[in-house]
Amino acid sequence: MIGLNCLRLFCRVMIVWVLVLGSASAALAQASPTSAIDESFPLRAADTSSPRDTLDTFRRDFRNSAEAWRGGESRDVIDRALARARDTIDFSEIPALGYDAATLIDMALLSEVLDRVELPPLEEVPGDGDLATGKDNELTRWVIPNTKLEIVKITEGPRAGEYLFSKETVAELRTYYDLVKDVPYRPGALAGIYEDVLSSPGDWVPERFRDTLPAWANFVAAGHAVWQWIAMAVLMAICLPLVPLIMWAGINWDRKRRSASPWLRFGTPVALILIVALAEVFENLAENVVGLLELPMEVIGFLVLAIQAVGLAWLVFVLSNRLADAIGGLRNGSDGHLHLDVAMTRMLFRLISLVFMILLVAAAASRIGIPIAPLVAGLGAGGLAIALAVRPTLENIIGGLTLFADRPVRVGDFCRYGDDVGTVEQIGLRSTRIRTLEQSLVTVPNSEFSQMHLDNYTARRTRLLQTLLHIRHGTTPDQMRLLLAQIRDLLGANPLVMPDSCYVRFVGYGASSKDVEVFAYLRCETEHTFLAAREELLLNIEEIVQRVDAGFAVRGGAT
């Protein structure tokens, strides 16, 4: 209930926040000037056919984008110019996580550096007419004089043949900025754009929003304005306590419905979905409303990615178990053990969930910049070593699938495996657990268990009663005939005895007895039922022996 109330409060705060920002945005939009950017060709691509075109395109389009942003123009106008400026730089090594924020910061840093260093006249920068076509004297790299800023020709990939600011330049932009930040701006420079970007609100909030705040709120501390740190503190105070509360509510829902249908135990999955969604909302508000950038946004991005990865992995695991229980029917059998069909379904769903988890890890790794292709190539090169290392695990998994396919034993069956006996309690991906007669729990790898000689006692349709009665030598033939007849009548009258397969015969003479063999199959499903039926039949046979005045022989004499 507490978690639900907090969630309602969070939703109300967010709705009010969005309405206030929407009203401010509409009011500011009405006062926005008409765009001064030439948008006759909105689909125009960045010109990167030469170092001159690349340098000119970046400076022109980034400046247009910044001026439109400062002037409060529409987001579409700003983004089109910004996209063209972004296309002049090789951002191929920037990870997907926080890509937009990272590239925006890098472009602002590059603009700051270019506005402080001495640039050659544009006509002196190599243009289309200055590019040699021969391989020996082809222009592949141009460095801005007296700097380390370089524009290189891309030789492979989808952008091959274009001239872009190199990825090495991108990697050193912050160092270059630290070296020139105290150098005065050149005339006509786009002054203060880096600080403005850091202290500005996100894309969902108009840039003029800062003008409505008191001066102290716009004071920059640790790279961001005071109002941004306050907004983040409020946002964290609202969102972070919701995570354990939502999780507690979901787990508590499932705990109260532990014996109910799997379809009703949806508390944990719903809680995980809400947490993943809440993390996404938190990241979007931090980036697009508060406007966090650089290290704070990187930390939040990694934190959100970790929460979402763990939450989705947990969600896949929980859903696989829930679906297995629902599809397999009742979770537990009458004997308290998991049905084989449910166990097999759960095993298959776990295999599927394992595949999804691997894909999830690969996606998360790719998003933070860990290349997957080299890892896959490395797996191919070391495939033999990996195959040898995982062979026991694969053998156990294949053995488990064989047990499920052939079904020599079921969960809950009493069986003999090798020289031991016990009750099967669990058949897993890698091993089978068996409860022995001494109540110890034995774990046998599936690769070994599937190859053992398995005698399934539970699967027997009938139980064999076979015993040899040692009747004393003094018993007369008439007494023997009467004894045999009454025992046959006893077996024939018992509903548990299969009449077509039972017999009672005088089979020979022992050292001190006349031997009578009793052979019968009893219709007993469990071992306990069989033991009780056999006990009753043996006691009745003893009564018959006494009634016909016969007796059992004992070693060394007669009774």
Protein backbone atom coordinates (compact mmCIF):
# COMPACT_ATOMS: atom_id res chain seq x y z
CA MET A 1 0.00 0.00 0.00
CA ILE A 2 2.88 2.36 0.81
CA GLY A 3 4.49 1.59 -2.55
CA LEU A 4 1.20 2.25 -4.35
CA ASN A 5 0.73 5.59 -2.59
CA CYS A 6 4.30 6.64 -3.45
CA LEU A 7 3.76 5.63 -7.05
CA ARG A 8 0.58 7.72 -7.21
CA LEU A 9 2.43 10.69 -5.69
CA PHE A 10 5.24 10.32 -8.23
CA CYS A 11 2.76 10.23 -11.11
CA ARG A 12 0.98 13.35 -9.84
CA VAL A 13 4.27 15.26 -9.47
CA MET A 14 5.34 14.27 -12.97
CA ILE A 15 1.97 15.30 -14.45
CA VAL A 16 2.17 18.71 -12.76
CA TRP A 17 5.78 19.11 -13.88
CA VAL A 18 4.94 18.28 -17.49
CA LEU A 19 1.94 20.63 -17.48
CA VAL A 20 4.00 23.49 -16.07
CA LEU A 21 6.81 22.94 -18.53
CA GLY A 22 4.35 22.57 -21.38
CA SER A 23 2.73 25.88 -20.50
CA ALA A 24 6.11 27.58 -20.26
CA SER A 25 7.15 26.07 -23.56
CA ALA A 26 4.00 27.30 -25.29
CA ALA A 27 4.39 30.80 -23.86
CA LEU A 28 8.01 31.02 -24.85
CA ALA A 29 7.31 29.59 -28.28
CA GLN A 30 4.87 32.41 -28.97
CA ALA A 31 7.64 34.93 -28.30
CA SER A 32 10.25 33.05 -30.36
CA PRO A 33 11.61 34.88 -33.40
CA THR A 34 11.40 33.49 -36.89
CA SER A 35 14.29 31.20 -37.82
CA ALA A 36 17.20 32.90 -39.56
CA ILE A 37 18.60 29.60 -40.88
CA ASP A 38 18.13 28.90 -44.55
CA GLU A 39 15.94 25.79 -44.58
CA SER A 40 15.25 25.71 -48.31
CA PHE A 41 16.76 22.22 -48.37
CA PRO A 42 15.99 20.59 -45.00
CA LEU A 43 17.28 17.19 -46.19
CA ARG A 44 20.63 18.61 -47.26
CA ALA A 45 23.52 16.41 -46.11
CA ALA A 46 26.80 17.63 -44.65
CA ASP A 47 29.42 18.41 -47.29
CA THR A 48 32.51 16.37 -46.38
CA SER A 49 34.05 15.99 -49.83
CA SER A 50 37.24 17.83 -48.84
CA PRO A 51 38.94 19.23 -45.69
CA ARG A 52 37.75 22.72 -46.68
CA ASP A 53 34.13 21.62 -47.00
CA THR A 54 34.28 19.66 -43.75
CA LEU A 55 35.72 22.57 -41.75
CA ASP A 56 33.34 25.08 -43.29
CA THR A 57 30.29 22.82 -42.81
CA PHE A 58 31.03 22.22 -39.14
CA ARG A 59 31.64 25.86 -38.28
CA ARG A 60 28.59 27.10 -40.21
CA ASP A 61 26.06 24.46 -39.13
CA PHE A 62 27.13 24.24 -35.50
CA ARG A 63 27.00 28.03 -35.24
CA ASN A 64 23.55 28.11 -36.86
CA SER A 65 22.34 25.41 -34.50
CA ALA A 66 23.73 27.18 -31.42
CA GLU A 67 22.26 30.55 -32.41
CA ALA A 68 18.88 28.97 -33.13
CA TRP A 69 19.02 27.24 -29.74
CA ARG A 70 19.93 30.44 -27.94
CA GLY A 71 17.18 32.23 -29.81
CA GLY A 72 14.54 29.72 -28.72
CA GLU A 73 13.71 28.46 -32.20
CA SER A 74 11.97 25.16 -32.90
CA ARG A 75 13.68 21.89 -32.05
CA ASP A 76 13.47 20.68 -35.65
CA VAL A 77 15.48 23.63 -36.94
CA ILE A 78 18.10 23.18 -34.24
CA ASP A 79 18.40 19.42 -34.75
CA ARG A 80 18.77 19.58 -38.54
CA ALA A 81 21.73 21.95 -38.36
CA LEU A 82 23.22 20.05 -35.42
CA ALA A 83 22.97 16.75 -37.31
CA ARG A 84 24.92 18.17 -40.25
CA ALA A 85 27.62 19.44 -37.88
CA ARG A 86 27.75 16.03 -36.19
CA ASP A 87 28.25 14.33 -39.56
CA THR A 88 31.57 16.14 -40.07
CA ILE A 89 33.19 14.29 -37.14
CA ASP A 90 34.20 10.63 -36.82
CA PHE A 91 32.19 9.53 -33.77
CA SER A 92 32.53 5.82 -34.60
CA GLU A 93 34.11 5.00 -31.23
CA ILE A 94 31.49 6.77 -29.11
CA PRO A 95 29.31 4.11 -27.40
CA ALA A 96 25.56 4.09 -27.91
CA LEU A 97 25.02 4.77 -24.21
CA GLY A 98 24.77 8.55 -23.93
CA TYR A 99 25.72 9.05 -27.58
CA ASP A 100 23.75 12.26 -28.15
CA ALA A 101 25.02 13.94 -24.99
CA ALA A 102 28.64 12.89 -25.57
CA THR A 103 28.69 14.08 -29.17
CA LEU A 104 27.06 17.39 -28.24
CA ILE A 105 29.76 18.04 -25.65
CA ASP A 106 32.50 17.11 -28.14
CA MET A 107 31.09 19.48 -30.75
CA ALA A 108 30.92 22.28 -28.19
CA LEU A 109 34.54 21.63 -27.20
CA LEU A 110 35.66 21.58 -30.85
CA SER A 111 33.86 24.87 -31.45
CA GLU A 112 35.54 26.40 -28.39
CA VAL A 113 38.98 25.32 -29.63
CA LEU A 114 38.40 26.49 -33.22
CA ASP A 115 37.19 29.89 -31.96
CA ARG A 116 40.43 30.43 -30.03
CA VAL A 117 43.15 29.17 -32.40
CA GLU A 118 44.31 30.93 -35.55
CA LEU A 119 42.72 29.37 -38.62
CA PRO A 120 44.10 29.77 -42.14
CA PRO A 121 41.96 31.54 -44.74
CA LEU A 122 39.35 29.16 -46.07
CA GLU A 123 40.78 29.29 -49.61
CA GLU A 124 44.09 27.96 -48.28
CA VAL A 125 42.45 24.84 -46.88
CA PRO A 126 42.58 21.95 -49.41
CA GLY A 127 39.36 21.90 -51.43
CA ASP A 128 37.90 19.70 -54.14
CA GLY A 129 40.32 21.03 -56.75
CA ASP A 130 43.34 20.37 -54.56
CA LEU A 131 42.69 16.65 -54.06
CA ALA A 132 44.97 14.40 -56.10
CA THR A 133 43.39 11.32 -57.61
CA GLY A 134 46.45 9.10 -57.77
CA LYS A 135 47.09 6.61 -54.99
CA ASP A 136 50.69 7.74 -54.46
CA ASN A 137 49.95 11.42 -53.88
CA GLU A 138 46.35 11.23 -52.62
CA LEU A 139 45.53 13.60 -49.75
CA THR A 140 44.52 11.41 -46.81
CA ARG A 141 45.18 13.78 -43.90
CA TRP A 142 45.19 17.51 -43.27
CA VAL A 143 46.15 19.18 -39.99
CA ILE A 144 45.09 22.70 -39.05
CA PRO A 145 48.37 24.66 -38.92
CA ASN A 146 50.01 25.00 -35.50
CA THR A 147 47.47 22.59 -33.92
CA LYS A 148 46.88 18.88 -33.55
CA LEU A 149 43.37 19.07 -34.99
CA GLU A 150 43.31 16.82 -38.03
CA ILE A 151 40.83 15.98 -40.77
CA VAL A 152 41.38 12.56 -42.33
CA LYS A 153 39.93 10.65 -45.25
CA ILE A 154 37.86 7.65 -44.21
CA THR A 155 39.07 4.58 -46.11
CA GLU A 156 36.51 1.94 -45.15
CA GLY A 157 32.97 1.50 -43.98
CA PRO A 158 29.78 3.27 -45.05
CA ARG A 159 31.49 6.69 -44.96
CA ALA A 160 34.52 5.72 -47.03
CA GLY A 161 35.85 8.63 -49.13
CA GLU A 162 34.61 11.37 -46.77
CA TYR A 163 36.89 13.79 -44.94
CA LEU A 164 36.06 13.95 -41.21
CA PHE A 165 37.63 15.24 -38.02
CA SER A 166 39.51 12.14 -36.87
CA LYS A 167 38.54 9.97 -33.91
CA GLU A 168 41.98 10.71 -32.42
CA THR A 169 41.08 14.39 -32.45
CA VAL A 170 37.77 13.60 -30.75
CA ALA A 171 39.57 11.63 -28.03
CA GLU A 172 41.82 14.62 -27.21
CA LEU A 173 39.29 17.45 -27.44
CA ARG A 174 39.04 17.96 -23.68
CA THR A 175 42.83 18.15 -23.41
CA TYR A 176 42.95 20.69 -26.23
CA TYR A 177 40.21 22.75 -24.58
CA ASP A 178 42.06 22.82 -21.25
CA LEU A 179 45.13 24.12 -23.09
CA VAL A 180 43.33 26.99 -24.87
CA LYS A 181 40.46 27.91 -22.51
CA ASP A 182 42.38 30.92 -21.21
CA VAL A 183 43.18 32.15 -24.73
CA PRO A 184 40.93 35.07 -25.81
CA TYR A 185 38.23 34.39 -28.38
CA ARG A 186 38.79 35.53 -31.94
CA PRO A 187 36.40 38.23 -33.21
CA GLY A 188 32.96 36.87 -34.06
CA ALA A 189 33.44 33.69 -32.02
CA LEU A 190 30.57 31.67 -30.57
CA ALA A 191 31.60 32.61 -27.03
CA GLY A 192 30.66 30.54 -23.98
CA ILE A 193 28.85 27.78 -25.84
CA TYR A 194 30.44 25.00 -23.78
CA GLU A 195 29.37 26.53 -20.44
CA ASP A 196 25.92 27.29 -21.85
CA VAL A 197 25.47 23.68 -22.94
CA LEU A 198 26.49 22.38 -19.51
CA SER A 199 24.15 24.66 -17.56
CA SER A 200 21.18 24.56 -19.93
CA PRO A 201 18.02 22.49 -19.41
CA GLY A 202 17.26 19.45 -21.53
CA ASP A 203 15.53 19.25 -24.88
CA TRP A 204 12.07 19.08 -23.32
CA VAL A 205 12.50 22.46 -21.62
CA PRO A 206 12.85 25.75 -23.54
CA GLU A 207 16.26 27.40 -23.28
CA ARG A 208 14.61 30.59 -21.96
CA PHE A 209 13.50 28.66 -18.88
CA ARG A 210 16.81 29.67 -17.27
CA ASP A 211 15.91 33.34 -17.61
CA THR A 212 12.91 32.86 -15.32
CA LEU A 213 15.11 31.59 -12.46
CA PRO A 214 16.92 33.73 -9.87
CA ALA A 215 20.59 34.45 -10.44
CA TRP A 216 21.82 32.08 -7.73
CA ALA A 217 19.99 29.17 -9.41
CA ASN A 218 22.02 29.66 -12.60
CA PHE A 219 25.36 29.72 -10.79
CA VAL A 220 27.55 26.94 -12.23
CA ALA A 221 29.04 24.53 -9.69
CA ALA A 222 30.89 21.33 -10.63
CA GLY A 223 29.98 21.76 -14.28
CA HIS A 224 26.22 22.31 -13.87
CA ALA A 225 23.90 25.01 -12.61
CA VAL A 226 22.65 24.97 -9.03
CA TRP A 227 19.06 24.50 -10.20
CA GLN A 228 20.10 21.33 -12.05
CA TRP A 229 21.64 19.80 -8.92
CA ILE A 230 18.52 20.69 -6.91
CA ALA A 231 16.28 19.19 -9.60
CA MET A 232 18.35 15.99 -9.60
CA ALA A 233 18.18 15.74 -5.81
CA VAL A 234 14.38 16.04 -5.95
CA LEU A 235 14.16 13.53 -8.80
CA MET A 236 16.33 11.00 -6.94
CA ALA A 237 14.39 11.52 -3.71
CA ILE A 238 11.21 10.61 -5.59
CA CYS A 239 12.45 7.75 -7.78
CA LEU A 240 15.03 5.85 -5.72
CA PRO A 241 12.73 4.91 -2.78
CA LEU A 242 10.17 3.63 -5.28
CA VAL A 243 12.48 0.82 -6.45
CA PRO A 244 12.51 -1.24 -3.20
CA LEU A 245 8.86 -0.37 -2.51
CA ILE A 246 7.70 -1.62 -5.92
CA MET A 247 9.83 -4.76 -5.57
CA TRP A 248 8.49 -5.43 -2.07
CA ALA A 249 4.90 -5.01 -3.25
CA GLY A 250 5.42 -7.46 -6.14
CA ILE A 251 7.13 -10.13 -4.03
CA ASN A 252 4.52 -9.76 -1.29
CA TRP A 253 1.72 -10.23 -3.86
CA ASP A 254 3.27 -13.48 -5.06
CA ARG A 255 3.95 -14.71 -1.54
CA LYS A 256 0.29 -14.38 -0.61
CA ARG A 257 -0.71 -16.37 -3.73
CA ARG A 258 1.99 -19.03 -3.55
CA SER A 259 -0.51 -21.88 -3.85
CA ALA A 260 -2.67 -20.13 -6.46
CA SER A 261 -2.55 -20.47 -10.23
CA PRO A 262 0.71 -19.33 -11.85
CA TRP A 263 -1.32 -16.83 -13.87
CA LEU A 264 -2.22 -15.02 -10.62
CA ARG A 265 1.38 -14.81 -9.40
CA PHE A 266 2.25 -11.84 -11.57
CA GLY A 267 3.44 -9.51 -8.81
CA THR A 268 7.19 -9.94 -9.36
CA PRO A 269 7.04 -9.69 -13.19
CA VAL A 270 4.90 -6.54 -13.02
CA ALA A 271 7.21 -5.05 -10.40
CA LEU A 272 10.26 -5.71 -12.57
CA ILE A 273 8.58 -4.15 -15.61
CA LEU A 274 7.68 -1.07 -13.55
CA ILE A 275 11.26 -0.77 -12.25
CA VAL A 276 12.71 -1.02 -15.77
CA ALA A 277 10.21 1.61 -16.97
CA LEU A 278 10.92 3.82 -13.94
CA ALA A 279 14.66 3.67 -14.69
CA GLU A 280 13.96 4.75 -18.28
CA VAL A 281 11.76 7.62 -17.08
CA PHE A 282 14.44 8.66 -14.58
CA GLU A 283 17.13 8.73 -17.28
CA ASN A 284 14.93 10.68 -19.70
CA LEU A 285 14.03 13.26 -17.07
CA ALA A 286 17.68 13.65 -16.06
CA GLU A 287 18.77 14.12 -19.67
CA ASN A 288 15.86 15.87 -21.36
CA VAL A 289 14.46 17.94 -18.49
CA VAL A 290 17.30 18.58 -16.04
CA GLY A 291 19.86 18.55 -18.85
CA LEU A 292 22.68 16.64 -17.15
CA LEU A 293 25.77 15.98 -19.28
CA GLU A 294 29.28 14.58 -19.00
CA LEU A 295 30.23 12.57 -15.89
CA PRO A 296 26.94 12.89 -13.95
CA MET A 297 24.96 11.72 -16.97
CA GLU A 298 27.46 8.94 -17.67
CA VAL A 299 27.09 7.67 -14.10
CA ILE A 300 23.30 7.80 -14.37
CA GLY A 301 23.44 6.07 -17.75
CA PHE A 302 25.53 3.20 -16.39
CA LEU A 303 23.34 2.95 -13.29
CA VAL A 304 20.15 2.84 -15.35
CA LEU A 305 21.64 0.32 -17.77
CA ALA A 306 22.70 -1.92 -14.88
CA ILE A 307 19.24 -1.73 -13.29
CA GLN A 308 17.53 -2.45 -16.59
CA ALA A 309 19.88 -5.33 -17.47
CA VAL A 310 19.46 -7.00 -14.07
CA GLY A 311 15.72 -6.32 -14.07
CA LEU A 312 15.18 -7.74 -17.56
CA ALA A 313 17.35 -10.79 -16.82
CA TRP A 314 15.39 -11.42 -13.63
CA LEU A 315 12.13 -10.85 -15.52
CA VAL A 316 13.06 -13.42 -18.19
CA PHE A 317 13.98 -15.96 -15.50
CA VAL A 318 10.77 -15.41 -13.51
CA LEU A 319 8.55 -15.48 -16.60
CA SER A 320 10.15 -18.74 -17.77
CA ASN A 321 9.28 -20.40 -14.47
CA ARG A 322 5.76 -18.94 -14.42
CA LEU A 323 5.04 -20.06 -17.98
CA ALA A 324 6.47 -23.52 -17.28
CA ASP A 325 4.21 -23.89 -14.24
CA ALA A 326 1.18 -22.62 -16.14
CA ILE A 327 1.72 -24.74 -19.25
CA GLY A 328 2.69 -27.86 -17.31
CA GLY A 329 -0.48 -27.79 -15.24
CA LEU A 330 -0.33 -28.27 -11.50
CA ARG A 331 2.98 -27.36 -10.04
CA ASN A 332 3.16 -30.26 -7.57
CA GLY A 333 1.86 -33.79 -7.80
CA SER A 334 -0.06 -35.64 -5.12
CA ASP A 335 3.24 -36.94 -3.75
CA GLY A 336 4.56 -33.42 -3.27
CA HIS A 337 7.10 -33.68 -6.10
CA LEU A 338 7.30 -31.66 -9.28
CA HIS A 339 5.67 -33.41 -12.24
CA LEU A 340 8.05 -34.49 -14.99
CA ASP A 341 6.12 -32.55 -17.63
CA VAL A 342 6.39 -29.38 -15.58
CA ALA A 343 10.07 -30.02 -14.89
CA MET A 344 10.74 -30.61 -18.59
CA THR A 345 8.82 -27.48 -19.56
CA ARG A 346 10.72 -25.48 -16.97
CA MET A 347 14.01 -26.86 -18.25
CA LEU A 348 13.19 -25.88 -21.83
CA PHE A 349 12.07 -22.42 -20.75
CA ARG A 350 15.29 -22.01 -18.77
CA LEU A 351 17.29 -22.86 -21.86
CA ILE A 352 15.32 -20.25 -23.79
CA SER A 353 15.79 -17.72 -20.99
CA LEU A 354 19.53 -18.45 -21.02
CA VAL A 355 19.64 -17.55 -24.71
CA PHE A 356 17.74 -14.32 -24.03
CA MET A 357 20.10 -13.47 -21.17
CA ILE A 358 23.13 -13.97 -23.43
CA LEU A 359 21.55 -11.67 -26.01
CA LEU A 360 20.76 -9.17 -23.25
CA VAL A 361 24.37 -9.17 -22.03
CA ALA A 362 25.58 -8.74 -25.62
CA ALA A 363 23.22 -5.79 -26.15
CA ALA A 364 24.28 -4.15 -22.88
CA ALA A 365 27.97 -4.66 -23.72
CA SER A 366 27.46 -3.16 -27.16
CA ARG A 367 25.67 -0.16 -25.70
CA ILE A 368 28.53 0.73 -23.37
CA GLY A 369 31.05 0.38 -26.18
CA ILE A 370 32.39 -3.16 -25.76
CA PRO A 371 32.75 -4.53 -29.32
CA ILE A 372 30.93 -7.82 -29.82
CA ALA A 373 32.36 -8.74 -33.24
CA PRO A 374 35.96 -9.25 -31.97
CA LEU A 375 34.61 -11.37 -29.12
CA VAL A 376 32.69 -13.55 -31.55
CA ALA A 377 35.77 -13.81 -33.77
CA GLY A 378 37.82 -14.78 -30.73
CA LEU A 379 35.29 -17.44 -29.86
CA GLY A 380 35.64 -18.83 -33.37
CA ALA A 381 39.42 -18.90 -33.15
CA GLY A 382 39.40 -20.52 -29.73
CA GLY A 383 36.41 -22.72 -30.45
CA LEU A 384 38.29 -25.97 -29.84
CA ALA A 385 39.55 -24.90 -26.43
CA ILE A 386 36.11 -23.64 -25.43
CA ALA A 387 34.46 -26.84 -26.68
CA LEU A 388 36.82 -28.92 -24.58
CA ALA A 389 36.21 -26.72 -21.55
CA VAL A 390 32.41 -26.85 -21.75
CA ARG A 391 32.16 -30.46 -22.90
CA PRO A 392 31.20 -31.84 -19.45
CA THR A 393 28.46 -29.23 -19.10
CA LEU A 394 27.12 -29.94 -22.59
CA GLU A 395 27.18 -33.68 -21.90
CA ASN A 396 25.16 -33.14 -18.74
CA ILE A 397 22.62 -30.95 -20.56
CA ILE A 398 22.28 -33.50 -23.37
CA GLY A 399 21.94 -36.24 -20.75
CA GLY A 400 19.14 -34.28 -19.07
CA LEU A 401 17.33 -33.85 -22.39
CA THR A 402 17.74 -37.59 -22.99
CA LEU A 403 16.14 -38.34 -19.61
CA PHE A 404 13.21 -36.10 -20.47
CA ALA A 405 12.83 -37.59 -23.95
CA ASP A 406 13.13 -41.29 -22.99
CA ARG A 407 11.52 -40.93 -19.54
CA PRO A 408 13.13 -43.95 -17.88
CA VAL A 409 12.23 -42.37 -14.54
CA ARG A 410 9.95 -39.57 -13.45
CA VAL A 411 10.31 -37.10 -10.64
CA GLY A 412 8.99 -38.88 -7.54
CA ASP A 413 9.76 -42.40 -8.85
CA PHE A 414 11.48 -44.96 -6.65
CA CYS A 415 14.19 -46.65 -8.69
CA ARG A 416 17.43 -48.57 -8.67
CA TYR A 417 20.33 -46.81 -10.33
CA GLY A 418 23.46 -48.89 -10.55
CA ASP A 419 23.84 -50.60 -7.16
CA ASP A 420 21.83 -48.01 -5.21
CA VAL A 421 18.14 -47.25 -4.76
CA GLY A 422 16.28 -44.04 -4.01
CA THR A 423 13.50 -41.62 -4.96
CA VAL A 424 14.07 -39.12 -7.78
CA GLU A 425 13.47 -35.61 -6.42
CA GLN A 426 14.69 -33.37 -9.24
CA ILE A 427 15.91 -33.68 -12.82
CA GLY A 428 17.78 -30.50 -13.70
CA LEU A 429 19.84 -29.19 -16.58
CA ARG A 430 23.10 -30.62 -15.27
CA SER A 431 22.28 -33.21 -12.61
CA THR A 432 19.64 -35.44 -11.04
CA ARG A 433 18.98 -35.46 -7.30
CA ILE A 434 17.93 -38.67 -5.58
CA ARG A 435 16.80 -39.22 -1.98
CA THR A 436 18.25 -42.50 -0.71
CA LEU A 437 16.73 -44.90 1.82
CA GLU A 438 18.97 -43.30 4.47
CA GLN A 439 17.33 -39.94 3.56
CA SER A 440 20.60 -38.54 2.24
CA LEU A 441 20.50 -36.51 -0.98
CA VAL A 442 22.67 -37.85 -3.81
CA THR A 443 23.48 -35.69 -6.85
CA VAL A 444 24.38 -37.61 -10.01
CA PRO A 445 25.54 -35.83 -13.21
CA ASN A 446 23.03 -36.37 -16.01
CA SER A 447 25.74 -37.67 -18.34
CA GLU A 448 26.34 -40.55 -15.89
CA PHE A 449 22.74 -41.08 -14.75
CA SER A 450 21.39 -41.37 -18.30
CA GLN A 451 23.88 -44.18 -19.05
CA MET A 452 23.17 -46.20 -15.90
CA HIS A 453 21.03 -49.34 -15.74
CA LEU A 454 17.80 -47.90 -14.32
CA ASP A 455 15.19 -50.11 -12.69
CA ASN A 456 12.03 -48.06 -12.14
CA TYR A 457 10.11 -49.69 -9.31
CA THR A 458 7.35 -47.06 -9.37
CA ALA A 459 6.58 -47.78 -13.03
CA ARG A 460 5.68 -51.42 -12.29
CA ARG A 461 2.06 -52.18 -13.10
CA THR A 462 1.97 -55.03 -10.55
CA ARG A 463 4.12 -56.25 -7.67
CA LEU A 464 5.41 -59.79 -7.40
CA LEU A 465 4.66 -61.89 -4.34
CA GLN A 466 6.93 -64.93 -4.42
CA THR A 467 7.75 -67.00 -1.38
CA LEU A 468 8.73 -70.58 -0.50
CA LEU A 469 6.86 -72.22 2.38
CA HIS A 470 8.89 -74.87 4.24
CA ILE A 471 6.26 -77.30 5.58
CA ARG A 472 7.43 -79.94 8.04
CA HIS A 473 8.04 -83.50 6.80
CA GLY A 474 5.35 -84.94 9.08
CA THR A 475 2.56 -83.34 7.06
CA THR A 476 0.45 -86.00 5.31
CA PRO A 477 -0.47 -85.89 1.60
CA ASP A 478 -4.10 -85.15 2.46
CA GLN A 479 -3.03 -82.26 4.67
CA MET A 480 -0.82 -80.99 1.84
CA ARG A 481 -3.70 -81.14 -0.64
CA LEU A 482 -5.99 -79.29 1.76
CA LEU A 483 -3.27 -76.73 2.46
CA LEU A 484 -2.66 -76.07 -1.24
CA ALA A 485 -6.38 -75.79 -1.99
CA GLN A 486 -7.07 -73.31 0.80
CA ILE A 487 -4.10 -71.12 -0.13
CA ARG A 488 -5.32 -71.08 -3.76
CA ASP A 489 -8.78 -70.11 -2.57
CA LEU A 490 -7.24 -67.36 -0.46
CA LEU A 491 -5.40 -65.89 -3.43
CA GLY A 492 -8.38 -66.24 -5.75
CA ALA A 493 -10.65 -64.37 -3.34
CA ASN A 494 -8.26 -61.44 -2.93
CA PRO A 495 -9.14 -58.58 -5.36
CA LEU A 496 -5.51 -57.45 -5.49
CA VAL A 497 -4.28 -60.78 -6.87
CA MET A 498 -4.22 -61.24 -10.65
CA PRO A 499 -5.84 -64.69 -11.09
CA ASP A 500 -4.26 -65.54 -14.45
CA SER A 501 -0.71 -65.33 -13.19
CA CYS A 502 -0.81 -66.87 -9.70
CA TYR A 503 -0.10 -70.43 -8.63
CA VAL A 504 0.53 -72.44 -5.47
CA ARG A 505 2.54 -75.65 -6.01
CA PHE A 506 4.29 -78.34 -4.01
CA VAL A 507 7.69 -78.07 -5.68
CA GLY A 508 9.92 -80.55 -3.86
CA TYR A 509 11.57 -81.78 -0.72
CA GLY A 510 14.08 -79.83 1.25
CA ALA A 511 16.57 -81.17 3.78
CA SER A 512 13.97 -80.93 6.53
CA SER A 513 10.82 -79.70 4.78
CA LYS A 514 8.27 -80.05 2.05
CA ASP A 515 8.58 -76.91 -0.08
CA VAL A 516 5.50 -75.07 -1.37
CA GLU A 517 6.01 -72.13 -3.77
CA VAL A 518 3.51 -69.26 -3.71
CA PHE A 519 3.67 -67.03 -6.81
CA ALA A 520 1.28 -64.13 -7.48
CA TYR A 521 1.15 -60.63 -8.96
CA LEU A 522 -0.60 -58.02 -6.85
CA ARG A 523 -2.28 -54.91 -8.26
CA CYS A 524 -0.48 -52.36 -6.09
CA GLU A 525 0.59 -48.93 -7.31
CA THR A 526 2.83 -48.05 -4.39
CA GLU A 527 5.37 -49.94 -2.37
CA HIS A 528 3.48 -49.28 0.86
CA THR A 529 0.28 -50.81 -0.54
CA PHE A 530 2.19 -53.88 -1.69
CA LEU A 531 3.89 -54.39 1.67
CA ALA A 532 0.56 -54.17 3.49
CA ALA A 533 -1.13 -56.63 1.08
CA ARG A 534 1.76 -59.09 1.27
CA GLU A 535 1.75 -58.89 5.05
CA GLU A 536 -1.96 -59.72 5.21
CA LEU A 537 -1.62 -62.64 2.77
CA LEU A 538 1.32 -64.16 4.66
CA LEU A 539 -0.58 -63.96 7.95
CA ASN A 540 -3.60 -65.61 6.32
CA ILE A 541 -1.35 -68.37 4.94
CA GLU A 542 0.05 -68.95 8.42
CA GLU A 543 -3.50 -69.30 9.76
CA ILE A 544 -4.27 -71.87 7.05
CA VAL A 545 -1.15 -73.87 7.95
CA GLN A 546 -2.26 -73.93 11.56
CA ARG A 547 -5.86 -74.76 10.62
CA VAL A 548 -4.95 -77.89 8.62
CA ASP A 549 -2.73 -79.01 11.51
CA ALA A 550 0.45 -78.67 9.49
CA GLY A 551 3.51 -76.77 10.60
CA PHE A 552 6.58 -74.97 9.37
CA ALA A 553 9.87 -76.77 9.34
CA VAL A 554 12.83 -75.31 11.16
CA ARG A 555 16.46 -75.97 10.58
CA GLY A 556 17.48 -79.14 12.41
CA GLY A 557 13.91 -80.30 13.17
CA ALA A 558 10.16 -79.64 12.79
CA THR A 559 7.50 -77.64 14.53
